[in-house]
Every structure is written in C-alpha cells, then in structure tokens.
Amino acid sequence: KLVLDDKVNLKTLARRTAGMTGADLANILNIAAVRSSAENLRCIPTKYLEEAFDRVVVGLERRNPMSEQEKKLTAYHEGGHTLVSIGNSGADPVHKATIMPRGNALGVTWSIPEREKY
C-alpha cells in the first residue's frame, strides 16, 4: 500500500502526468516509494514524486560536472524559456526549471497545462 504525504497536490500531479501510460505512472510511484522507503519515511513526499517524474520522462541524473560556463549558459537558456512563458499570455505556467543534467538534456523547463486543451 502506498501512502502519499498530505501535502502532495493531487491536482498538480494529475496535470503533470496527463497522457502518461499506466506503466509510466506505476514506475513513477515505485521509484518514489523506493526512495521514501530507503529513508524510512512513512509516506511519499512531493519531492520524491517530482524526482521520479523527471527520471521517467527525461532520464537519470548525470553526475558528470558541467563547467561554470556551461552552467551559466544553461541557466540563461532555461531562464529564457521561463521568461517567454511568463510574457506569453497563451503559454502554460512554468512548474519547474532546472539546470541539473538528465538524459541528453543539460537543463529542463517544465510547464503544466492548467486545463485540458484537446
């Protein structure tokens, strides 16, 4: 039995996982549950659900360090995505931006639709 932390926003989680398969959702929950269990937590916090989502969608976190110049350029790049989203009234709101390398990406900016569009 999986127990989510009371602070987990199910509406945000549902919006973020729209279009995913049942296997993807099960994988996200399993990764988050294993991480929570390793820390002897009684419930799964939002932090571990977020990390699991990123891992399933983008890939494993890469540990090879970027140079300070690469970090700076990636931060400007992801910040640009965020600013364009903020300045565009038709864009979905930004949920999270990161320069943590995962998979083939040096950084990622996540937007979550506020409502169904299609």
Protein backbone atom coordinates (compact mmCIF):
# COMPACT_ATOMS: atom_id res chain seq x y z
CA LYS A 1 0.00 0.00 0.00
CA LEU A 2 1.38 3.40 -1.00
CA VAL A 3 0.70 6.39 1.21
CA LEU A 4 1.20 9.88 -0.17
CA ASP A 5 2.13 12.76 2.09
CA ASP A 6 -0.82 15.02 2.97
CA LYS A 7 1.00 17.91 1.26
CA VAL A 8 1.04 16.17 -2.17
CA ASN A 9 -1.15 18.22 -4.51
CA LEU A 10 -3.05 15.57 -6.47
CA LYS A 11 -4.41 18.11 -8.93
CA THR A 12 -0.88 19.22 -9.87
CA LEU A 13 0.27 15.61 -10.04
CA ALA A 14 -2.64 14.73 -12.34
CA ARG A 15 -1.97 17.72 -14.60
CA ARG A 16 1.74 16.90 -14.74
CA THR A 17 1.17 13.26 -15.69
CA ALA A 18 -1.57 13.84 -18.28
CA GLY A 19 -1.16 11.50 -21.23
CA MET A 20 1.16 9.08 -19.45
CA THR A 21 0.52 5.35 -19.54
CA GLY A 22 -0.44 3.31 -16.51
CA ALA A 23 3.03 1.74 -16.65
CA ASP A 24 4.64 5.20 -16.52
CA LEU A 25 2.53 6.16 -13.51
CA ALA A 26 3.32 2.87 -11.76
CA ASN A 27 7.02 3.43 -12.46
CA ILE A 28 6.91 6.97 -11.01
CA LEU A 29 5.14 5.75 -7.87
CA ASN A 30 7.52 2.81 -7.49
CA ILE A 31 10.64 4.98 -7.80
CA ALA A 32 9.26 7.49 -5.29
CA ALA A 33 8.21 4.71 -2.90
CA VAL A 34 11.63 3.04 -3.00
CA ARG A 35 13.33 6.37 -2.32
CA SER A 36 10.96 7.08 0.59
CA SER A 37 11.43 3.60 1.99
CA ALA A 38 15.22 3.95 1.86
CA GLU A 39 14.86 6.93 4.19
CA ASN A 40 12.35 5.15 6.45
CA LEU A 41 9.60 7.62 5.61
CA ARG A 42 6.01 6.58 6.32
CA CYS A 43 4.65 8.38 3.29
CA ILE A 44 5.82 9.57 -0.13
CA PRO A 45 6.58 13.31 -0.25
CA THR A 46 6.12 15.57 -3.27
CA LYS A 47 9.90 15.92 -3.60
CA TYR A 48 10.33 12.23 -4.42
CA LEU A 49 7.36 12.21 -6.81
CA GLU A 50 8.94 15.16 -8.67
CA GLU A 51 12.33 13.42 -8.83
CA ALA A 52 10.71 10.20 -10.05
CA PHE A 53 8.75 12.05 -12.75
CA ASP A 54 11.93 13.72 -14.02
CA ARG A 55 13.73 10.39 -14.06
CA VAL A 56 10.97 8.61 -16.01
CA VAL A 57 10.42 11.40 -18.54
CA VAL A 58 13.93 12.82 -19.10
CA GLY A 59 16.26 10.15 -17.75
CA LEU A 60 18.75 9.58 -14.97
CA GLU A 61 20.55 12.48 -13.38
CA ARG A 62 24.04 12.74 -14.84
CA ARG A 63 26.87 13.22 -12.43
CA ASN A 64 29.49 14.44 -14.88
CA PRO A 65 30.01 18.02 -13.80
CA MET A 66 29.41 20.90 -16.15
CA SER A 67 31.90 23.72 -16.22
CA GLU A 68 30.87 27.02 -14.67
CA GLN A 69 30.49 28.43 -18.20
CA GLU A 70 28.17 25.56 -19.23
CA LYS A 71 26.10 26.01 -16.08
CA LYS A 72 25.79 29.74 -16.74
CA LEU A 73 24.78 29.26 -20.39
CA THR A 74 22.27 26.54 -19.45
CA ALA A 75 20.79 28.76 -16.74
CA TYR A 76 20.36 31.61 -19.24
CA HIS A 77 18.79 29.20 -21.73
CA GLU A 78 16.29 27.75 -19.24
CA GLY A 79 15.63 31.22 -17.82
CA GLY A 80 14.79 32.33 -21.36
CA HIS A 81 12.15 29.61 -21.65
CA THR A 82 10.70 30.77 -18.34
CA LEU A 83 10.63 34.45 -19.32
CA VAL A 84 8.99 33.71 -22.67
CA SER A 85 6.35 31.65 -20.87
CA ILE A 86 5.69 34.44 -18.36
CA GLY A 87 5.45 37.04 -21.13
CA ASN A 88 3.15 34.98 -23.34
CA SER A 89 -0.47 35.05 -22.19
CA GLY A 90 -1.24 31.82 -24.09
CA ALA A 91 1.57 29.79 -22.55
CA ASP A 92 1.13 27.24 -19.80
CA PRO A 93 2.57 28.30 -16.42
CA VAL A 94 6.09 27.15 -15.60
CA HIS A 95 6.13 24.49 -12.89
CA LYS A 96 9.86 23.98 -12.59
CA ALA A 97 13.14 24.92 -14.26
CA THR A 98 16.44 23.20 -13.59
CA ILE A 99 19.99 23.05 -14.89
CA MET A 100 20.53 19.56 -13.45
CA PRO A 101 21.65 17.44 -16.41
CA ARG A 102 19.41 14.42 -17.09
CA GLY A 103 19.50 12.08 -20.05
CA ASN A 104 20.61 14.12 -23.07
CA ALA A 105 19.38 17.42 -21.61
CA LEU A 106 21.62 19.91 -19.82
CA GLY A 107 18.54 21.53 -18.30
CA VAL A 108 14.75 21.39 -18.48
CA THR A 109 11.86 23.81 -18.06
CA TRP A 110 8.55 22.14 -17.23
CA SER A 111 5.18 23.75 -17.92
CA ILE A 112 1.92 22.24 -16.73
CA PRO A 113 -1.38 22.91 -18.51
CA GLU A 114 -3.99 24.47 -16.26
CA ARG A 115 -6.81 22.67 -18.02
CA GLU A 116 -7.45 20.14 -20.76
CA LYS A 117 -6.89 21.65 -24.18
CA TYR A 118 -7.66 18.89 -26.61
